[in-house]
Amino acid sequence: MIHYALTCEQNHRFDGWFASSASFESQRDSGQVQCAICGSTQIDRALMAPAVSAKIAPAQDAEKSPIEKLRDHIESSSDYVGLRFADEARAMHEGRSESRAIYGEARPDEARALVEDGVPIAPLPFIPKRQTN
């Protein structure tokens, strides 16, 4: 769909959505597009600034920052365990759970206890996205 700012012969401005530029022209030429204010069928496209998306498309990996690339790698190769991170990390360290790559969240006191007990952990340079499990 294409969004056009439109204007009539009386300089009234209004918006319209069309499947394509050709669709707009066809509907306009057949009198199907009318001014929303005065009903005139003498319609033209108004000058518009292009709409530019602020999102970076996933295919544009080369434009991602190192942190974004790291986040993508961690999220695709590790299990998100959320607030169970400290318990899961300790269970793997003590051999009560199978070792695997995990990430999640821990309170400062939990992280400190893990480090003091020799559990190998590292802080992430980003806040994990909350995921539903």
Protein backbone atom coordinates (compact mmCIF):
# COMPACT_ATOMS: atom_id res chain seq x y z
CA MET A 1 0.00 0.00 0.00
CA ILE A 2 1.13 3.51 -0.80
CA HIS A 3 0.19 6.45 1.40
CA TYR A 4 -0.31 9.73 -0.47
CA ALA A 5 -0.88 13.23 0.84
CA LEU A 6 -3.49 14.60 -1.53
CA THR A 7 -4.75 18.08 -2.39
CA CYS A 8 -7.77 19.33 -4.32
CA GLU A 9 -8.23 22.40 -6.50
CA GLN A 10 -9.28 24.33 -3.36
CA ASN A 11 -5.95 23.42 -1.69
CA HIS A 12 -7.62 21.18 0.89
CA ARG A 13 -5.16 18.55 2.11
CA PHE A 14 -6.11 14.97 3.00
CA ASP A 15 -4.63 11.48 2.93
CA GLY A 16 -5.30 8.43 0.80
CA TRP A 17 -4.04 4.85 0.62
CA PHE A 18 -3.68 3.06 -2.72
CA ALA A 19 -2.44 -0.31 -3.90
CA SER A 20 -0.04 1.35 -6.35
CA SER A 21 0.70 4.58 -8.16
CA ALA A 22 -1.21 3.25 -11.18
CA SER A 23 -4.17 2.43 -8.94
CA PHE A 24 -4.24 5.99 -7.62
CA GLU A 25 -4.08 7.46 -11.13
CA SER A 26 -6.80 5.13 -12.42
CA GLN A 27 -9.15 5.92 -9.53
CA ARG A 28 -8.43 9.65 -9.78
CA ASP A 29 -8.97 9.75 -13.55
CA SER A 30 -12.31 7.94 -13.23
CA GLY A 31 -13.52 10.40 -10.53
CA GLN A 32 -13.43 7.87 -7.70
CA VAL A 33 -11.09 9.97 -5.57
CA GLN A 34 -12.80 12.95 -3.97
CA CYS A 35 -11.68 15.66 -1.59
CA ALA A 36 -12.62 14.67 1.94
CA ILE A 37 -13.56 18.30 2.67
CA CYS A 38 -15.35 19.73 -0.40
CA GLY A 39 -16.00 16.67 -2.57
CA SER A 40 -13.99 17.91 -5.56
CA THR A 41 -12.66 15.27 -7.94
CA GLN A 42 -9.83 17.53 -9.16
CA ILE A 43 -7.18 15.78 -7.07
CA ASP A 44 -3.38 15.77 -7.19
CA ARG A 45 -0.67 14.33 -4.99
CA ALA A 46 0.78 16.88 -2.59
CA LEU A 47 4.49 17.25 -2.00
CA MET A 48 5.56 14.71 0.64
CA ALA A 49 8.72 13.79 2.49
CA PRO A 50 9.57 10.12 2.04
CA ALA A 51 8.88 7.79 4.96
CA VAL A 52 12.16 6.26 6.08
CA SER A 53 12.08 3.37 8.50
CA ALA A 54 14.34 3.62 11.53
CA LYS A 55 14.60 -0.16 11.76
CA ILE A 56 17.56 -1.97 10.29
CA ALA A 57 16.48 -4.95 8.24
CA PRO A 58 17.81 -8.31 9.49
CA ALA A 59 19.52 -8.90 6.15
CA GLN A 60 21.71 -5.84 6.72
CA ASP A 61 23.98 -7.67 9.16
CA ALA A 62 26.99 -5.63 8.04
CA GLU A 63 25.33 -2.52 9.50
CA LYS A 64 24.77 -4.07 12.94
CA SER A 65 26.91 -2.90 15.82
CA PRO A 66 29.26 -5.37 17.52
CA ILE A 67 26.88 -5.49 20.51
CA GLU A 68 23.93 -6.34 18.23
CA LYS A 69 25.97 -9.08 16.57
CA LEU A 70 26.96 -10.45 19.99
CA ARG A 71 23.30 -10.41 21.12
CA ASP A 72 22.28 -12.31 17.97
CA HIS A 73 25.02 -14.90 18.55
CA ILE A 74 24.17 -15.44 22.21
CA GLU A 75 20.42 -15.64 21.57
CA SER A 76 20.85 -18.14 18.72
CA SER A 77 23.41 -20.40 20.42
CA SER A 78 22.34 -20.35 24.10
CA ASP A 79 19.30 -21.22 26.18
CA TYR A 80 17.52 -18.33 27.87
CA VAL A 81 16.80 -19.34 31.48
CA GLY A 82 15.55 -15.98 32.73
CA LEU A 83 15.58 -15.44 36.48
CA ARG A 84 16.64 -19.08 37.02
CA PHE A 85 20.14 -18.20 35.78
CA ALA A 86 21.94 -18.50 39.14
CA ASP A 87 20.31 -21.85 39.95
CA GLU A 88 20.99 -23.26 36.45
CA ALA A 89 24.63 -22.07 36.41
CA ARG A 90 25.27 -23.55 39.87
CA ALA A 91 23.60 -26.88 38.94
CA MET A 92 25.79 -27.23 35.84
CA HIS A 93 28.93 -26.29 37.81
CA GLU A 94 28.15 -28.89 40.46
CA GLY A 95 27.33 -31.58 37.88
CA ARG A 96 23.64 -31.79 38.80
CA SER A 97 22.64 -30.59 35.33
CA GLU A 98 24.01 -31.14 31.84
CA SER A 99 26.47 -28.44 30.79
CA ARG A 100 25.22 -26.08 28.08
CA ALA A 101 25.42 -22.44 27.09
CA ILE A 102 22.87 -20.37 28.99
CA TYR A 103 22.06 -16.73 29.55
CA GLY A 104 19.59 -14.99 31.78
CA GLU A 105 19.34 -12.65 34.72
CA ALA A 106 20.65 -12.76 38.29
CA ARG A 107 20.45 -10.41 41.22
CA PRO A 108 23.78 -8.82 42.19
CA ASP A 109 24.04 -10.95 45.35
CA GLU A 110 23.42 -14.13 43.33
CA ALA A 111 26.08 -13.20 40.76
CA ARG A 112 28.58 -12.35 43.52
CA ALA A 113 27.98 -15.73 45.21
CA LEU A 114 28.49 -17.57 41.90
CA VAL A 115 31.82 -15.79 41.31
CA GLU A 116 32.95 -16.42 44.91
CA ASP A 117 32.14 -20.13 44.48
CA GLY A 118 34.18 -20.35 41.25
CA VAL A 119 31.23 -20.73 38.89
CA PRO A 120 32.40 -19.36 35.51
CA ILE A 121 30.00 -16.56 34.58
CA ALA A 122 30.34 -13.23 32.80
CA PRO A 123 28.06 -10.21 32.62
CA LEU A 124 26.47 -9.43 29.29
CA PRO A 125 26.94 -5.96 27.80
CA PHE A 126 23.17 -5.77 27.20
CA ILE A 127 19.97 -6.59 29.03
CA PRO A 128 18.51 -9.87 27.77
CA LYS A 129 15.25 -9.63 25.89
CA ARG A 130 12.51 -11.21 27.95
CA GLN A 131 11.46 -14.39 26.20
CA THR A 132 8.53 -16.63 26.82
CA ASN A 133 9.46 -20.21 27.66
